[in-house]
Amino acid sequence: MNRKVIILHNKYKISGGEDAVVKQESLLLKKNGDLIDVHYLDNNVINGFLVKVLVLIQTPFVCFTKKTIDKLIVNKLKPSVIHVHNYFPLLSPSIFYTIKREKIPVVHTLHNYRSVCPTALLMFDGKIEERSVKKTCWWAVRKKVYRNSAIGTFALCCMIELHKKLGTWHNKVDAFIALTEFSRDKFIEAGWPANKIYVKPNFIVDKFNGAKSVDKKGGFAVYVGRLSEEKDIVTLLKSWQNINFPLKIIGTGPLKHLVTHSGDPNIEYLGKLPSEQVIDWVKDAEFLVLPSICYEGFPMVLVEAMCCGTPSIVSKLGSMEEIISHGKTGLHFEAGNSDDLSLKVNNLIENKALLATMAYNARQEYLAKYTPEINYQQLMTIYQHAIANAAQESTAQENAAQEK
């Protein structure tokens, strides 16, 4: 039975992995006949000081979102589910109140931790920071964690703490999608409803038509991602001083200069490349390195690597540790420890048999967990849970009203 699904998403000014995931998921639903509309909001409309101030003031609870939903429903689309991805900053969590007033089941994907902490990454000053999970997020205002702005951080804290107090996440959303068990556990620790959080990873379309293995040229390692503090480019570059093996670095960001001026003959900077070229480099690499020191949500590059039959060496931290099985589809190293990373890389380079086994295992892991077909079934199951949860809550409210 097909579902009639509307997707809502506030796009980012600089398109990234989350926008790509929403696009892929929308195409998957459209292909299977479930999608009836995708409603995008664009941050590029936020121009000028006064507009930015207005958005910040409205961030805790934006009341005009009813117009957005009315537009979709008055047009007789009559969705069976509305799936919300990013709502910040043009919608805010008030979107869930509007949807629930219309008695439509709603699903929300938790791509990051912004609804718990203004940092969005549970990271500050180069370290994991979980005060917002364990207590409140007001500490962040003095630290100006959101774009170095006390006003912006205060607006976000108001949003987080207000909806925590109102019980928004318990009462106004029928099902949440966490990308990993690690992420699910963090939201539960922060007080979110465990019975409504379901795990569904990201996926990509198979580039190799179901083949059991993928041929590769080899002879180099690859890093793909933003060149920034949380990705720990510093540790990556430091570790490579003790590694005699070519490394291709793809991406751009504030720490680009560290890469371009590294002076290491084994490191080649390829810059920012189109996604098709990125996949080609990942496919031909012996292995991928992801040295992040933050709690990654669900790095798409790891799914791309597994699809290509490319093992990954990742920080033993958060979701990365969960996605990559140590000794099976890649290796773990101690986050921020360049010596440990050097050791793991050199061991893998010297062990061609293990490298070949991991490459095969990585491809099988993709085929078993991360194909569109598998993801579609997981998504439909979650939609069914949302519909059932919404019906159960509606019945409970009606019974309570009758008792009064």
Protein backbone atom coordinates (compact mmCIF):
# COMPACT_ATOMS: atom_id res chain seq x y z
CA MET A 1 0.00 0.00 0.00
CA ASN A 2 1.43 3.36 -1.06
CA ARG A 3 1.69 6.22 1.41
CA LYS A 4 0.98 9.82 0.44
CA VAL A 5 4.02 11.66 1.80
CA ILE A 6 4.91 15.34 1.98
CA ILE A 7 8.52 16.26 2.79
CA LEU A 8 9.39 19.56 4.48
CA HIS A 9 13.01 20.75 4.55
CA ASN A 10 14.77 24.02 5.31
CA LYS A 11 17.73 23.93 2.93
CA TYR A 12 21.17 25.17 4.01
CA LYS A 13 22.92 28.15 2.48
CA ILE A 14 25.84 25.92 1.57
CA SER A 15 24.47 22.61 0.35
CA GLY A 16 25.87 19.62 2.23
CA GLY A 17 25.27 16.00 3.13
CA GLU A 18 21.88 16.62 4.75
CA ASP A 19 20.48 18.30 1.64
CA ALA A 20 21.80 15.41 -0.46
CA VAL A 21 20.11 12.88 1.84
CA VAL A 22 16.75 14.68 1.55
CA LYS A 23 17.05 14.73 -2.24
CA GLN A 24 17.91 11.01 -2.39
CA GLU A 25 15.07 10.08 -0.05
CA SER A 26 12.61 12.21 -2.04
CA LEU A 27 13.63 10.51 -5.29
CA LEU A 28 13.24 7.11 -3.62
CA LEU A 29 9.70 7.92 -2.49
CA LYS A 30 8.83 9.37 -5.89
CA LYS A 31 10.11 6.25 -7.67
CA ASN A 32 7.88 4.07 -5.49
CA GLY A 33 4.82 6.26 -5.97
CA ASP A 34 4.63 7.61 -2.39
CA LEU A 35 5.75 11.22 -2.77
CA ILE A 36 3.12 13.86 -3.42
CA ASP A 37 5.11 17.00 -2.62
CA VAL A 38 8.49 18.31 -1.46
CA HIS A 39 8.33 21.72 0.18
CA TYR A 40 11.72 23.43 0.46
CA LEU A 41 12.49 26.60 2.36
CA ASP A 42 15.73 28.38 1.46
CA ASN A 43 18.02 30.21 3.90
CA ASN A 44 19.09 32.50 1.07
CA VAL A 45 15.95 34.58 1.74
CA ILE A 46 17.56 35.68 5.03
CA ASN A 47 19.30 38.82 3.79
CA GLY A 48 19.86 42.07 5.62
CA PHE A 49 20.23 42.84 9.30
CA LEU A 50 16.55 43.43 10.08
CA VAL A 51 15.47 40.17 8.42
CA LYS A 52 18.08 38.24 10.41
CA VAL A 53 16.91 39.85 13.65
CA LEU A 54 13.29 38.95 12.81
CA VAL A 55 14.25 35.32 12.17
CA LEU A 56 16.12 35.16 15.48
CA ILE A 57 13.17 36.60 17.39
CA GLN A 58 10.86 34.04 15.81
CA THR A 59 13.23 31.07 16.24
CA PRO A 60 11.77 29.75 19.53
CA PHE A 61 8.21 29.54 18.18
CA VAL A 62 7.36 30.73 14.66
CA CYS A 63 3.62 31.23 14.38
CA PHE A 64 3.33 31.81 10.63
CA THR A 65 4.06 28.14 9.84
CA LYS A 66 0.31 27.41 9.77
CA LYS A 67 0.22 29.15 6.39
CA THR A 68 2.78 26.68 5.06
CA ILE A 69 0.77 23.65 6.16
CA ASP A 70 -2.57 25.15 5.12
CA LYS A 71 -1.17 25.72 1.65
CA LEU A 72 -0.27 22.04 1.38
CA ILE A 73 -3.49 20.66 2.84
CA VAL A 74 -6.03 23.11 1.39
CA ASN A 75 -4.76 22.02 -2.01
CA LYS A 76 -6.41 18.67 -1.23
CA LEU A 77 -3.16 16.75 -1.09
CA LYS A 78 -4.41 14.97 2.03
CA PRO A 79 -1.08 13.38 3.03
CA SER A 80 -0.97 10.23 5.13
CA VAL A 81 2.38 11.40 6.59
CA ILE A 82 4.35 14.65 6.70
CA HIS A 83 8.10 14.05 7.01
CA VAL A 84 10.10 16.96 8.43
CA HIS A 85 13.88 17.09 8.01
CA ASN A 86 15.57 20.38 8.94
CA TYR A 87 13.23 23.08 10.31
CA PHE A 88 15.86 25.65 11.39
CA PRO A 89 15.69 28.64 11.13
CA LEU A 90 12.63 29.44 8.98
CA LEU A 91 10.11 27.06 10.56
CA SER A 92 11.17 26.15 14.14
CA PRO A 93 9.58 23.28 16.10
CA SER A 94 6.26 25.12 15.95
CA ILE A 95 5.76 23.33 12.63
CA PHE A 96 4.93 20.18 14.60
CA TYR A 97 2.13 21.94 16.50
CA THR A 98 0.59 23.08 13.23
CA ILE A 99 0.75 19.59 11.73
CA LYS A 100 -0.73 17.96 14.83
CA ARG A 101 -3.65 20.43 14.81
CA GLU A 102 -4.44 19.07 11.36
CA LYS A 103 -4.33 15.52 12.79
CA ILE A 104 -1.70 14.34 10.31
CA PRO A 105 0.97 11.83 11.43
CA VAL A 106 4.39 13.47 11.47
CA VAL A 107 7.90 12.01 11.23
CA HIS A 108 11.10 13.94 11.99
CA THR A 109 14.64 12.91 10.99
CA LEU A 110 17.31 13.83 13.56
CA HIS A 111 20.21 14.70 11.28
CA ASN A 112 22.18 16.50 14.00
CA TYR A 113 21.90 17.56 17.67
CA ARG A 114 20.72 21.17 17.22
CA SER A 115 17.38 20.47 18.92
CA VAL A 116 19.38 19.51 22.03
CA CYS A 117 22.40 21.85 21.83
CA PRO A 118 23.17 25.08 19.91
CA THR A 119 26.50 23.58 18.80
CA ALA A 120 24.56 20.99 16.71
CA LEU A 121 27.60 18.69 17.02
CA LEU A 122 27.82 18.35 20.83
CA MET A 123 31.29 19.80 20.42
CA PHE A 124 32.91 23.03 21.57
CA ASP A 125 36.46 24.37 21.57
CA GLY A 126 37.77 21.22 19.87
CA LYS A 127 36.28 18.81 22.42
CA ILE A 128 33.12 16.77 22.93
CA GLU A 129 30.68 18.85 25.03
CA GLU A 130 27.60 17.15 26.52
CA ARG A 131 26.37 19.65 29.10
CA SER A 132 23.28 20.31 26.98
CA VAL A 133 22.45 16.59 27.02
CA LYS A 134 22.93 16.11 30.73
CA LYS A 135 21.64 19.49 32.02
CA THR A 136 20.58 22.59 30.05
CA CYS A 137 22.09 24.52 27.15
CA TRP A 138 22.26 27.97 28.81
CA TRP A 139 26.04 27.59 29.27
CA ALA A 140 26.36 28.10 25.51
CA VAL A 141 25.16 31.73 25.53
CA ARG A 142 28.25 33.04 27.32
CA LYS A 143 30.45 30.99 24.98
CA LYS A 144 28.67 32.33 21.86
CA VAL A 145 28.73 28.86 20.32
CA TYR A 146 26.41 29.74 17.41
CA ARG A 147 28.39 31.77 14.88
CA ASN A 148 30.17 33.58 17.73
CA SER A 149 26.93 35.43 18.46
CA ALA A 150 25.48 35.76 21.97
CA ILE A 151 22.11 36.88 20.52
CA GLY A 152 21.96 34.01 18.03
CA THR A 153 22.98 31.48 20.68
CA PHE A 154 20.42 32.89 23.11
CA ALA A 155 17.65 32.52 20.51
CA LEU A 156 18.62 28.89 19.93
CA CYS A 157 18.77 28.17 23.67
CA CYS A 158 15.30 29.68 24.07
CA MET A 159 14.03 27.38 21.33
CA ILE A 160 15.64 24.28 22.85
CA GLU A 161 14.61 24.91 26.44
CA LEU A 162 11.10 26.12 25.54
CA HIS A 163 10.24 22.99 23.57
CA LYS A 164 11.82 20.81 26.21
CA LYS A 165 9.52 22.40 28.81
CA LEU A 166 6.45 22.25 26.54
CA GLY A 167 6.99 18.55 25.90
CA THR A 168 7.04 19.10 22.14
CA TRP A 169 9.17 16.03 21.44
CA HIS A 170 6.96 13.78 23.54
CA ASN A 171 3.57 15.04 22.37
CA LYS A 172 3.82 16.60 18.91
CA VAL A 173 5.90 14.14 16.86
CA ASP A 174 4.72 10.60 16.12
CA ALA A 175 8.05 9.07 15.07
CA PHE A 176 11.68 10.17 14.99
CA ILE A 177 14.38 8.77 12.73
CA ALA A 178 17.83 8.51 14.29
CA LEU A 179 20.62 7.62 11.89
CA THR A 180 22.47 5.29 14.29
CA GLU A 181 21.94 3.54 17.62
CA PHE A 182 24.53 5.90 19.10
CA SER A 183 22.50 8.94 18.06
CA ARG A 184 19.29 7.35 19.37
CA ASP A 185 20.93 6.76 22.75
CA LYS A 186 22.07 10.40 22.97
CA PHE A 187 18.56 11.73 22.35
CA ILE A 188 17.12 9.31 24.90
CA GLU A 189 19.75 10.47 27.40
CA ALA A 190 18.60 14.04 26.71
CA GLY A 191 15.07 13.05 27.71
CA TRP A 192 13.46 12.25 24.37
CA PRO A 193 10.84 9.46 24.10
CA ALA A 194 12.60 6.12 23.52
CA ASN A 195 9.44 4.46 22.23
CA LYS A 196 9.20 6.91 19.32
CA ILE A 197 12.81 6.90 18.09
CA TYR A 198 13.57 4.44 15.29
CA VAL A 199 16.95 3.84 13.65
CA LYS A 200 17.28 4.13 9.87
CA PRO A 201 20.64 4.87 8.24
CA ASN A 202 21.29 6.92 5.13
CA PHE A 203 21.73 5.17 1.79
CA ILE A 204 23.03 5.70 -1.73
CA VAL A 205 22.14 4.24 -5.09
CA ASP A 206 24.39 1.33 -6.05
CA LYS A 207 26.96 2.42 -8.64
CA PHE A 208 27.90 -1.15 -9.54
CA ASN A 209 24.61 -2.94 -10.25
CA GLY A 210 24.74 -5.40 -7.37
CA ALA A 211 28.23 -6.76 -8.13
CA LYS A 212 29.79 -8.73 -5.26
CA SER A 213 33.12 -6.92 -5.62
CA VAL A 214 34.50 -3.78 -7.23
CA ASP A 215 37.78 -3.52 -9.16
CA LYS A 216 40.12 -0.73 -8.07
CA LYS A 217 43.41 0.76 -9.20
CA GLY A 218 44.72 1.20 -5.66
CA GLY A 219 48.04 2.66 -4.60
CA PHE A 220 46.71 5.53 -2.48
CA ALA A 221 44.47 6.51 0.44
CA VAL A 222 41.78 9.18 0.34
CA TYR A 223 40.19 11.73 2.65
CA VAL A 224 36.87 13.32 1.62
CA GLY A 225 35.20 16.04 3.65
CA ARG A 226 35.28 19.53 5.05
CA LEU A 227 38.72 20.83 5.99
CA SER A 228 37.81 22.04 9.46
CA GLU A 229 38.55 21.65 13.14
CA GLU A 230 35.90 19.02 13.90
CA LYS A 231 37.22 16.79 11.09
CA ASP A 232 40.68 16.95 12.74
CA ILE A 233 42.72 17.70 9.65
CA VAL A 234 45.63 18.57 11.98
CA THR A 235 45.87 14.99 13.28
CA LEU A 236 45.55 13.62 9.73
CA LEU A 237 48.46 15.74 8.46
CA LYS A 238 50.60 15.03 11.52
CA SER A 239 50.07 11.28 11.23
CA TRP A 240 51.11 11.28 7.57
CA GLN A 241 54.57 12.51 8.52
CA ASN A 242 55.20 8.92 9.61
CA ILE A 243 53.50 7.27 6.64
CA ASN A 244 55.14 6.66 3.27
CA PHE A 245 52.01 6.22 1.19
CA PRO A 246 50.13 8.60 -1.16
CA LEU A 247 47.11 10.43 0.29
CA LYS A 248 44.57 12.31 -1.85
CA ILE A 249 42.62 15.01 0.02
CA ILE A 250 39.26 16.14 -1.41
CA GLY A 251 37.24 19.02 -0.01
CA THR A 252 37.57 22.59 1.15
CA GLY A 253 37.09 24.62 4.31
CA PRO A 254 38.74 27.01 6.79
CA LEU A 255 41.82 24.79 7.29
CA LYS A 256 42.54 24.41 3.58
CA HIS A 257 45.81 26.33 3.99
CA LEU A 258 47.16 23.64 6.31
CA VAL A 259 46.75 21.10 3.52
CA THR A 260 48.09 23.23 0.68
CA HIS A 261 51.15 24.23 2.74
CA SER A 262 51.86 20.86 4.35
CA GLY A 263 54.94 20.31 2.20
CA ASP A 264 54.43 16.54 2.40
CA PRO A 265 55.33 14.92 -0.95
CA ASN A 266 52.90 12.07 -0.23
CA ILE A 267 49.91 14.41 0.08
CA GLU A 268 48.04 15.66 -2.98
CA TYR A 269 45.27 18.21 -2.60
CA LEU A 270 42.54 17.76 -5.21
CA GLY A 271 40.23 20.53 -3.99
CA LYS A 272 36.45 20.38 -4.11
CA LEU A 273 35.24 17.97 -6.79
CA PRO A 274 31.86 17.01 -8.32
CA SER A 275 30.25 14.00 -6.63
CA GLU A 276 30.87 11.76 -9.65
CA GLN A 277 34.61 12.41 -9.48
CA VAL A 278 34.63 11.91 -5.71
CA ILE A 279 33.11 8.45 -6.14
CA ASP A 280 35.77 7.57 -8.73
CA TRP A 281 38.58 8.50 -6.32
CA VAL A 282 36.94 6.62 -3.44
CA LYS A 283 36.44 3.55 -5.65
CA ASP A 284 40.10 3.41 -6.67
CA ALA A 285 41.53 4.10 -3.20
CA GLU A 286 42.99 1.31 -1.06
CA PHE A 287 41.21 2.81 1.96
CA LEU A 288 39.51 5.98 3.22
CA VAL A 289 40.46 7.93 6.35
CA LEU A 290 37.96 9.81 8.52
CA PRO A 291 39.67 11.26 11.63
CA SER A 292 36.78 13.38 13.02
CA ILE A 293 36.81 14.35 16.69
CA CYS A 294 33.09 15.19 16.75
CA TYR A 295 30.01 12.98 16.98
CA GLU A 296 29.33 12.60 13.29
CA GLY A 297 25.68 12.13 12.37
CA PHE A 298 25.99 9.63 9.56
CA PRO A 299 28.90 10.47 7.23
CA MET A 300 27.72 9.76 3.69
CA VAL A 301 31.32 9.20 2.64
CA LEU A 302 31.40 6.01 4.72
CA VAL A 303 28.40 4.60 2.83
CA GLU A 304 30.03 5.66 -0.45
CA ALA A 305 33.23 3.88 0.57
CA MET A 306 31.39 0.67 1.45
CA CYS A 307 29.47 0.85 -1.83
CA CYS A 308 32.84 1.04 -3.60
CA GLY A 309 34.34 -1.81 -1.59
CA THR A 310 36.75 0.58 0.12
CA PRO A 311 37.64 -0.01 3.81
CA SER A 312 37.70 2.97 6.16
CA ILE A 313 39.99 3.94 9.02
CA VAL A 314 37.91 6.02 11.43
CA SER A 315 38.06 7.57 14.86
CA LYS A 316 36.81 5.25 17.59
CA LEU A 317 34.06 7.68 18.45
CA GLY A 318 30.28 7.88 18.26
CA SER A 319 28.54 6.80 15.08
CA MET A 320 31.79 6.20 13.19
CA GLU A 321 32.70 3.41 15.59
CA GLU A 322 29.25 1.90 15.07
CA ILE A 323 29.16 2.12 11.26
CA ILE A 324 32.65 0.69 10.64
CA SER A 325 33.33 -2.73 12.19
CA HIS A 326 36.91 -2.88 13.47
CA GLY A 327 38.88 -5.59 11.71
CA LYS A 328 36.00 -6.34 9.34
CA THR A 329 35.10 -3.31 7.20
CA GLY A 330 37.92 -1.07 8.43
CA LEU A 331 39.89 -0.05 11.49
CA HIS A 332 39.37 2.22 14.50
CA PHE A 333 41.99 4.49 16.01
CA GLU A 334 41.96 6.67 19.11
CA ALA A 335 40.41 10.03 18.18
CA GLY A 336 42.98 12.82 18.04
CA ASN A 337 45.95 10.43 18.39
CA SER A 338 48.21 10.86 15.36
CA ASP A 339 50.56 8.09 16.51
CA ASP A 340 47.74 5.58 16.70
CA LEU A 341 46.46 6.66 13.28
CA SER A 342 49.97 6.26 11.80
CA LEU A 343 50.22 2.80 13.34
CA LYS A 344 46.85 1.65 11.97
CA VAL A 345 47.55 3.00 8.49
CA ASN A 346 51.02 1.44 8.29
CA ASN A 347 49.71 -1.91 9.55
CA LEU A 348 47.02 -1.94 6.90
CA ILE A 349 49.40 -0.95 4.10
CA GLU A 350 51.67 -3.84 5.02
CA ASN A 351 48.86 -6.39 5.24
CA LYS A 352 47.53 -6.78 1.70
CA ALA A 353 45.50 -9.89 2.55
CA LEU A 354 43.63 -8.07 5.34
CA LEU A 355 43.09 -5.08 3.05
CA ALA A 356 41.56 -7.32 0.37
CA THR A 357 39.31 -9.05 2.91
CA MET A 358 38.12 -5.73 4.33
CA ALA A 359 37.42 -4.43 0.82
CA TYR A 360 35.19 -7.44 0.12
CA ASN A 361 33.48 -7.14 3.51
CA ALA A 362 32.82 -3.44 2.99
CA ARG A 363 31.01 -4.14 -0.26
CA GLN A 364 28.92 -6.90 1.36
CA GLU A 365 28.03 -4.55 4.21
CA TYR A 366 26.70 -2.04 1.71
CA LEU A 367 24.62 -4.67 -0.10
CA ALA A 368 23.20 -5.93 3.20
CA LYS A 369 22.36 -2.57 4.83
CA TYR A 370 22.57 0.52 2.66
CA THR A 371 20.80 -0.06 -0.67
CA PRO A 372 17.72 1.99 -1.68
CA GLU A 373 15.52 -1.11 -1.62
CA ILE A 374 16.39 -1.92 1.99
CA ASN A 375 16.08 1.71 3.03
CA TYR A 376 12.66 2.03 1.43
CA GLN A 377 11.30 -0.86 3.46
CA GLN A 378 12.74 0.63 6.66
CA LEU A 379 11.17 4.00 5.85
CA MET A 380 7.75 2.48 5.15
CA THR A 381 7.89 0.61 8.46
CA ILE A 382 8.63 3.85 10.33
CA TYR A 383 5.78 5.65 8.54
CA GLN A 384 3.47 2.83 9.66
CA HIS A 385 4.69 3.25 13.24
CA ALA A 386 3.98 7.00 13.01
CA ILE A 387 0.46 6.37 11.72
CA ALA A 388 -0.21 3.82 14.47
CA ASN A 389 1.24 6.09 17.17
CA ALA A 390 -0.87 9.01 15.97
CA ALA A 391 -4.03 6.89 15.97
CA GLN A 392 -3.28 5.57 19.45
CA GLU A 393 -2.74 9.07 20.84
CA SER A 394 -5.91 10.34 19.15
CA THR A 395 -7.95 7.53 20.69
CA ALA A 396 -6.44 8.22 24.12
CA GLN A 397 -7.33 11.92 23.83
CA GLU A 398 -10.90 11.12 22.79
CA ASN A 399 -11.33 8.71 25.71
CA ALA A 400 -9.93 11.29 28.12
CA ALA A 401 -12.34 13.91 26.77
CA GLN A 402 -15.31 11.56 27.20
CA GLU A 403 -14.34 10.80 30.80
CA LYS A 404 -14.44 14.51 31.59
